């Protein structure tokens, strides 16, 4: 039975990516070695890294003056690296979900943190708005897509201070104006590759402006100077990211994938609205994510959750159980998830409605 993988991360990958990575694991570029065995200092791996950076730049239209890094530690380590490298006196944060809250916690270890707005008291059921970004902040941090709560900032914010964005779960899903950001970062395991590698797109003019000494491994400048090779990089994961970037480029880039993503999310949200059993917990439909569609059973049908999960399982639907802090269901419909898989989920929702 075909599996329809709605996991929030690690998530579904393009078949192109999986096949090419599997082949390279057995024999990379006819070297007689696995991609897991080649030296990260070799010309073979240098070409992999350089091509991945070049494709990232091309697809996202990254301007001059920015460096693209592949790093260890996931987005969570960068919660620490950001204030270590950028926070001199005060940083501003938008508290829009669990991951934003975790980033705030780490930043408070390094200096004054101003939470400009928060939707925490309403369990993050909407995106905060109407806030003022303090002009004396060293940077303003946002989380562009909230995987747990299903909200997304879909437009590039105009900020009077350097804008820092955790784009772990919507990077490469839509066009972005990189020039509006000081740093865009995230874990790769949603739209880019497997777990084990993170990306950072950093504006070079932001580097080396703090007075504190920064440990080498946590210093963005050192990683920029060493082209992501200061220490042994996750070679296999970077190779896999390269394959996904090739797939996305061949597909037609960000304009094309954005159109596909809007169609996928639109079909699913339409069914949530139509179906008598389901509803969205979000208070503002404009805040709804095109990557993570969160929905619940209406109160009068709340006891049927396990039955729907069982039905979904018989259809090959994987990973739709909602996060424990929200409950209900979450369909993560990242770039590599096909429209057909979304239609299978919608059909399951319709079938379940007829059984109740």
Protein backbone atom coordinates (compact mmCIF):
# COMPACT_ATOMS: atom_id res chain seq x y z
CA UNK A 1 0.00 0.00 0.00
CA UNK A 2 1.28 3.46 -0.89
CA UNK A 3 2.01 5.58 2.18
CA UNK A 4 0.86 9.18 2.35
CA UNK A 5 3.36 10.80 4.72
CA UNK A 6 2.02 13.84 6.57
CA UNK A 7 4.72 13.77 9.27
CA UNK A 8 5.69 17.20 10.66
CA UNK A 9 9.40 16.32 10.49
CA UNK A 10 11.40 14.44 9.59
CA UNK A 11 9.05 14.70 6.68
CA UNK A 12 8.31 13.34 3.23
CA UNK A 13 11.09 13.79 0.66
CA UNK A 14 10.89 13.80 -3.14
CA UNK A 15 11.32 10.39 -4.74
CA UNK A 16 14.09 11.97 -6.83
CA UNK A 17 15.95 12.87 -3.63
CA UNK A 18 15.59 9.44 -2.04
CA UNK A 19 16.65 7.51 -5.15
CA UNK A 20 19.70 9.67 -5.82
CA UNK A 21 20.77 9.61 -2.19
CA UNK A 22 20.36 5.83 -2.00
CA UNK A 23 22.50 5.45 -5.09
CA UNK A 24 25.21 7.71 -3.66
CA UNK A 25 25.21 5.76 -0.41
CA UNK A 26 26.16 2.68 -2.42
CA UNK A 27 28.55 4.32 -4.89
CA UNK A 28 29.10 8.07 -5.07
CA UNK A 29 29.93 9.36 -8.56
CA UNK A 30 31.50 6.01 -9.53
CA UNK A 31 34.25 6.54 -6.98
CA UNK A 32 33.75 3.10 -5.48
CA UNK A 33 33.05 4.85 -2.17
CA UNK A 34 29.85 5.76 -0.39
CA UNK A 35 28.94 9.41 0.07
CA UNK A 36 29.25 8.51 3.77
CA UNK A 37 32.90 7.54 3.25
CA UNK A 38 34.38 10.37 1.20
CA UNK A 39 36.49 13.06 2.84
CA UNK A 40 34.75 16.34 3.52
CA UNK A 41 38.00 17.99 2.36
CA UNK A 42 37.97 16.20 -0.98
CA UNK A 43 37.21 17.85 -4.32
CA UNK A 44 34.26 15.44 -4.66
CA UNK A 45 32.54 16.78 -1.58
CA UNK A 46 33.62 20.34 -2.27
CA UNK A 47 31.66 20.16 -5.53
CA UNK A 48 28.59 18.87 -3.65
CA UNK A 49 28.72 21.69 -1.11
CA UNK A 50 29.38 24.40 -3.68
CA UNK A 51 26.56 23.22 -5.92
CA UNK A 52 24.13 23.11 -2.99
CA UNK A 53 25.04 26.68 -2.01
CA UNK A 54 24.79 27.87 -5.62
CA UNK A 55 21.36 26.28 -6.09
CA UNK A 56 20.11 27.71 -2.78
CA UNK A 57 21.23 31.14 -3.96
CA UNK A 58 19.63 30.70 -7.36
CA UNK A 59 16.26 29.34 -6.22
CA UNK A 60 15.78 31.81 -3.37
CA UNK A 61 17.38 34.70 -5.32
CA UNK A 62 19.80 35.44 -2.49
CA UNK A 63 21.61 38.75 -3.14
CA UNK A 64 25.29 39.51 -2.79
CA UNK A 65 26.47 40.16 0.75
CA UNK A 66 24.85 37.03 2.18
CA UNK A 67 26.48 33.70 3.00
CA UNK A 68 24.72 30.32 2.91
CA UNK A 69 25.79 27.91 5.63
CA UNK A 70 25.06 24.27 6.41
CA UNK A 71 25.51 23.64 10.13
CA UNK A 72 25.05 21.07 12.87
CA UNK A 73 22.61 21.36 15.74
CA UNK A 74 19.33 22.08 14.00
CA UNK A 75 17.37 25.28 14.47
CA UNK A 76 17.50 24.79 18.24
CA UNK A 77 21.25 25.44 18.43
CA UNK A 78 20.76 28.60 16.44
CA UNK A 79 18.37 29.81 19.14
CA UNK A 80 21.63 30.18 21.09
CA UNK A 81 23.90 31.27 18.24
CA UNK A 82 21.66 34.21 17.29
CA UNK A 83 21.86 36.12 20.60
CA UNK A 84 25.48 35.03 21.08
CA UNK A 85 26.38 36.68 17.75
CA UNK A 86 23.89 39.54 17.49
CA UNK A 87 22.51 40.61 20.91
CA UNK A 88 24.43 43.56 22.34
CA UNK A 89 21.85 45.37 24.45
CA UNK A 90 18.32 44.32 23.53
CA UNK A 91 16.54 41.96 21.17
CA UNK A 92 12.88 41.94 20.15
CA UNK A 93 10.90 38.73 19.67
CA UNK A 94 7.44 37.86 18.40
CA UNK A 95 5.97 35.08 20.54
CA UNK A 96 3.77 33.16 18.08
CA UNK A 97 4.27 29.53 19.10
CA UNK A 98 6.28 26.90 20.96
CA UNK A 99 9.45 27.31 18.92
CA UNK A 100 9.37 31.09 19.26
CA UNK A 101 8.99 30.61 23.00
CA UNK A 102 12.04 28.32 23.06
CA UNK A 103 14.07 30.88 21.12
CA UNK A 104 13.04 33.59 23.60
CA UNK A 105 14.14 31.43 26.53
CA UNK A 106 17.64 31.06 25.09
CA UNK A 107 17.98 34.73 24.16
CA UNK A 108 17.23 35.80 27.73
CA UNK A 109 20.54 34.20 28.77
CA UNK A 110 22.42 36.88 26.81
CA UNK A 111 20.60 40.16 27.44
CA UNK A 112 17.37 42.08 27.52
CA UNK A 113 14.57 40.52 25.48
CA UNK A 114 11.42 42.44 24.63
CA UNK A 115 8.42 40.37 23.59
CA UNK A 116 6.66 42.77 21.25
CA UNK A 117 3.47 40.69 21.14
CA UNK A 118 2.24 37.23 22.09
CA UNK A 119 -0.71 34.95 21.47
CA UNK A 120 0.36 32.49 24.17
CA UNK A 121 -2.59 33.14 26.47
CA UNK A 122 -4.95 32.00 23.69
CA UNK A 123 -2.82 28.90 23.03
CA UNK A 124 -1.34 30.51 19.91
CA UNK A 125 -4.60 30.28 17.95
CA UNK A 126 -3.74 33.43 15.98
CA UNK A 127 -0.75 35.47 14.87
CA UNK A 128 -0.12 38.59 16.98
CA UNK A 129 -0.60 41.83 15.06
CA UNK A 130 -0.65 45.57 15.63
CA UNK A 131 2.67 45.56 17.45
CA UNK A 132 5.52 48.06 17.25
CA UNK A 133 9.08 46.88 16.62
CA UNK A 134 11.45 48.81 18.92
CA UNK A 135 13.96 50.77 16.85
CA UNK A 136 16.67 50.38 19.48
CA UNK A 137 16.64 46.57 19.29
CA UNK A 138 19.66 44.77 17.86
CA UNK A 139 17.31 42.56 15.86
CA UNK A 140 13.70 41.41 15.62
CA UNK A 141 13.08 37.64 15.64
CA UNK A 142 10.07 35.93 14.08
CA UNK A 143 9.04 32.35 13.40
CA UNK A 144 7.57 32.39 9.92
CA UNK A 145 5.60 29.15 10.24
CA UNK A 146 4.36 27.53 13.44
CA UNK A 147 4.27 23.79 12.85
CA UNK A 148 2.36 22.89 16.01
CA UNK A 149 -0.36 25.54 15.84
CA UNK A 150 -0.73 25.86 12.08
CA UNK A 151 -0.14 29.59 11.63
CA UNK A 152 2.14 31.26 9.10
CA UNK A 153 3.50 34.73 8.37
CA UNK A 154 3.14 34.70 4.61
CA UNK A 155 4.58 38.13 3.78
CA UNK A 156 8.02 39.60 4.37
CA UNK A 157 7.86 42.04 7.26
CA UNK A 158 9.24 45.56 6.99
CA UNK A 159 11.43 46.00 10.04
CA UNK A 160 13.40 49.06 11.21
CA UNK A 161 16.01 46.71 12.68
CA UNK A 162 17.62 43.54 11.27
CA UNK A 163 14.96 40.87 10.80
CA UNK A 164 15.83 37.33 11.93
CA UNK A 165 13.54 34.50 10.85
CA UNK A 166 13.21 30.88 11.85
CA UNK A 167 11.92 29.49 8.55
CA UNK A 168 12.41 25.84 9.38
CA UNK A 169 9.06 24.66 8.06
CA UNK A 170 8.24 27.00 5.19
CA UNK A 171 11.62 27.69 3.62
CA UNK A 172 11.48 27.16 -0.17
CA UNK A 173 7.68 26.85 -0.11
CA UNK A 174 7.14 30.36 -1.49
CA UNK A 175 9.19 33.32 -2.73
CA UNK A 176 10.92 35.44 -0.07
CA UNK A 177 12.66 38.81 -0.33
CA UNK A 178 15.90 37.80 1.34
CA UNK A 179 17.15 41.39 1.30
CA UNK A 180 14.64 42.23 4.06
CA UNK A 181 16.33 39.80 6.47
CA UNK A 182 19.52 39.79 8.46
CA UNK A 183 19.32 36.05 8.97
CA UNK A 184 17.05 33.26 7.76
CA UNK A 185 17.65 29.91 9.38
CA UNK A 186 16.09 26.55 10.11
CA UNK A 187 16.32 22.82 10.36
CA UNK A 188 16.38 21.01 7.01
CA UNK A 189 13.98 18.21 7.89
CA UNK A 190 10.79 19.79 6.55
CA UNK A 191 11.29 21.06 3.00
CA UNK A 192 14.99 20.61 2.33
CA UNK A 193 16.47 17.33 3.50
CA UNK A 194 16.82 14.90 6.39
CA UNK A 195 17.36 15.71 10.03
CA UNK A 196 20.97 16.33 11.03
CA UNK A 197 21.70 19.56 9.19
CA UNK A 198 20.52 23.15 9.50
CA UNK A 199 20.80 26.05 7.07
CA UNK A 200 21.60 29.69 7.75
CA UNK A 201 21.43 32.54 5.25
CA UNK A 202 23.29 35.32 7.01
CA UNK A 203 23.90 38.92 6.02
CA UNK A 204 27.63 39.39 6.35
CA UNK A 205 27.37 42.99 7.58
CA UNK A 206 25.71 41.69 10.77
CA UNK A 207 28.76 39.70 11.82
CA UNK A 208 31.30 40.55 14.54
CA UNK A 209 29.33 43.40 16.10
CA UNK A 210 28.99 42.05 19.65
CA UNK A 211 31.55 42.85 22.32
CA UNK A 212 31.50 39.41 23.93
CA UNK A 213 33.87 36.63 22.83
CA UNK A 214 31.98 33.96 20.89
CA UNK A 215 33.14 30.31 20.99
CA UNK A 216 34.45 29.20 17.61
CA UNK A 217 31.83 26.58 16.87
CA UNK A 218 29.03 29.06 17.69
CA UNK A 219 30.52 31.94 15.70
CA UNK A 220 28.77 32.59 12.37
CA UNK A 221 31.82 34.50 11.07
CA UNK A 222 34.07 31.48 11.51
CA UNK A 223 31.60 29.27 9.64
CA UNK A 224 31.39 31.86 6.85
CA UNK A 225 35.18 32.09 6.60
CA UNK A 226 35.43 28.29 6.43
CA UNK A 227 32.59 27.73 3.95
CA UNK A 228 30.67 25.47 6.40
CA UNK A 229 33.81 23.32 6.81
CA UNK A 230 35.14 24.54 10.16
CA UNK A 231 34.42 21.07 11.52
CA UNK A 232 33.32 17.90 9.74
CA UNK A 233 29.94 18.67 8.19
CA UNK A 234 27.03 16.19 7.86
CA UNK A 235 28.07 15.17 4.35
CA UNK A 236 25.22 12.74 3.66
CA UNK A 237 22.56 15.21 4.81
CA UNK A 238 24.03 18.01 2.68
CA UNK A 239 24.11 15.70 -0.35
CA UNK A 240 20.44 14.94 0.24
CA UNK A 241 19.66 18.66 0.44
CA UNK A 242 21.41 19.12 -2.89
CA UNK A 243 19.14 16.53 -4.50
CA UNK A 244 16.02 18.30 -3.16
CA UNK A 245 17.29 21.63 -4.48
CA UNK A 246 17.83 20.03 -7.91
CA UNK A 247 14.30 18.61 -7.80
CA UNK A 248 12.83 21.99 -6.89
CA UNK A 249 14.80 23.77 -9.61
CA UNK A 250 13.66 21.24 -12.23
CA UNK A 251 10.06 21.56 -11.02
CA UNK A 252 10.07 25.27 -11.78
CA UNK A 253 11.30 26.93 -8.59
CA UNK A 254 9.44 28.86 -5.94
CA UNK A 255 6.68 30.37 -8.07
CA UNK A 256 5.68 26.90 -9.25
CA UNK A 257 5.87 25.17 -5.87
CA UNK A 258 3.98 28.03 -4.21
CA UNK A 259 1.14 27.59 -6.68
CA UNK A 260 1.07 23.85 -5.97
CA UNK A 261 1.16 24.43 -2.21
CA UNK A 262 -1.74 26.88 -2.38
CA UNK A 263 -3.78 24.33 -4.32
CA UNK A 264 -3.02 21.56 -1.83
CA UNK A 265 -3.83 23.63 1.24
CA UNK A 266 -6.91 25.12 -0.40
CA UNK A 267 -8.41 21.70 -1.10
CA UNK A 268 -7.83 20.59 2.47
CA UNK A 269 -9.09 23.78 4.11
CA UNK A 270 -12.19 23.71 1.90
CA UNK A 271 -13.00 20.23 3.14
CA UNK A 272 -12.48 21.23 6.77
CA UNK A 273 -14.99 24.04 6.27
CA UNK A 274 -17.49 21.84 4.40
CA UNK A 275 -17.37 18.69 6.51
CA UNK A 276 -19.87 18.58 9.38
CA UNK A 277 -17.37 16.78 11.64
CA UNK A 278 -14.29 19.02 11.48
CA UNK A 279 -13.27 22.59 12.22
CA UNK A 280 -10.18 24.77 12.41
CA UNK A 281 -9.12 25.97 15.88
CA UNK A 282 -7.64 29.16 14.40
CA UNK A 283 -9.52 32.37 15.04
CA UNK A 284 -8.33 34.13 11.87
CA UNK A 285 -8.45 32.26 8.59
CA UNK A 286 -5.79 34.57 7.11
CA UNK A 287 -3.29 33.15 9.61
CA UNK A 288 -3.67 29.59 8.36
CA UNK A 289 -0.46 27.90 7.30
CA UNK A 290 -0.08 26.39 3.84
CA UNK A 291 2.46 23.93 5.28
CA UNK A 292 0.83 22.63 8.45
CA UNK A 293 -2.95 22.31 8.36
CA UNK A 294 -4.30 21.93 11.89
CA UNK A 295 -7.90 20.83 12.44
CA UNK A 296 -10.03 19.22 15.14
CA UNK A 297 -13.33 17.43 15.49
CA UNK A 298 -16.21 19.66 16.49
CA UNK A 299 -17.07 19.34 20.20
CA UNK A 300 -20.09 17.10 19.59
CA UNK A 301 -17.86 14.62 17.71
CA UNK A 302 -14.72 14.89 19.84
CA UNK A 303 -14.93 11.28 21.00
CA UNK A 304 -14.41 10.00 17.46
CA UNK A 305 -10.76 10.98 17.12
CA UNK A 306 -9.28 7.50 17.43
CA UNK A 307 -11.83 6.13 14.97
CA UNK A 308 -10.79 8.65 12.35
CA UNK A 309 -7.11 7.92 12.93
CA UNK A 310 -7.82 4.22 12.45
CA UNK A 311 -9.68 4.88 9.21
CA UNK A 312 -6.81 7.06 7.98
CA UNK A 313 -4.35 4.28 8.76
CA UNK A 314 -6.26 1.87 6.52
CA UNK A 315 -5.75 4.37 3.66
CA UNK A 316 -1.98 4.52 4.18
CA UNK A 317 -2.20 7.97 5.77
CA UNK A 318 0.71 8.51 8.17
CA UNK A 319 1.44 11.21 10.74
CA UNK A 320 -1.78 13.24 11.06
CA UNK A 321 -2.22 13.06 14.82
CA UNK A 322 -2.05 16.58 16.25
CA UNK A 323 0.52 17.78 18.74
CA UNK A 324 -0.42 17.05 22.35
CA UNK A 325 -0.69 20.79 23.13
CA UNK A 326 -3.39 21.22 20.48
CA UNK A 327 -4.93 17.78 20.02
CA UNK A 328 -6.95 16.88 16.97
CA UNK A 329 -5.10 16.48 13.70
CA UNK A 330 -2.22 18.05 11.81
CA UNK A 331 -1.55 17.46 8.14
CA UNK A 332 1.93 18.64 7.21
CA UNK A 333 1.78 19.22 3.48
CA UNK A 334 5.35 20.17 2.68
CA UNK A 335 6.68 20.63 -0.85
CA UNK A 336 7.31 16.94 -1.52
CA UNK A 337 3.83 15.79 -0.49
CA UNK A 338 1.79 15.22 -3.62
CA UNK A 339 -1.61 16.65 -4.44
CA UNK A 340 -2.82 13.06 -4.74
CA UNK A 341 -1.92 12.41 -1.10
CA UNK A 342 -3.94 15.44 -0.01
CA UNK A 343 -6.88 14.15 -2.03
CA UNK A 344 -6.60 10.76 -0.29
CA UNK A 345 -6.89 12.53 3.08
CA UNK A 346 -9.85 14.59 1.90
CA UNK A 347 -11.58 11.45 0.62
CA UNK A 348 -11.01 9.79 4.00
CA UNK A 349 -12.63 12.77 5.74
CA UNK A 350 -15.63 12.53 3.42
CA UNK A 351 -15.94 8.79 3.96
CA UNK A 352 -15.75 9.23 7.74
CA UNK A 353 -18.54 11.81 7.57
CA UNK A 354 -20.83 9.27 5.91
CA UNK A 355 -20.19 6.74 8.68
CA UNK A 356 -21.20 9.05 11.52
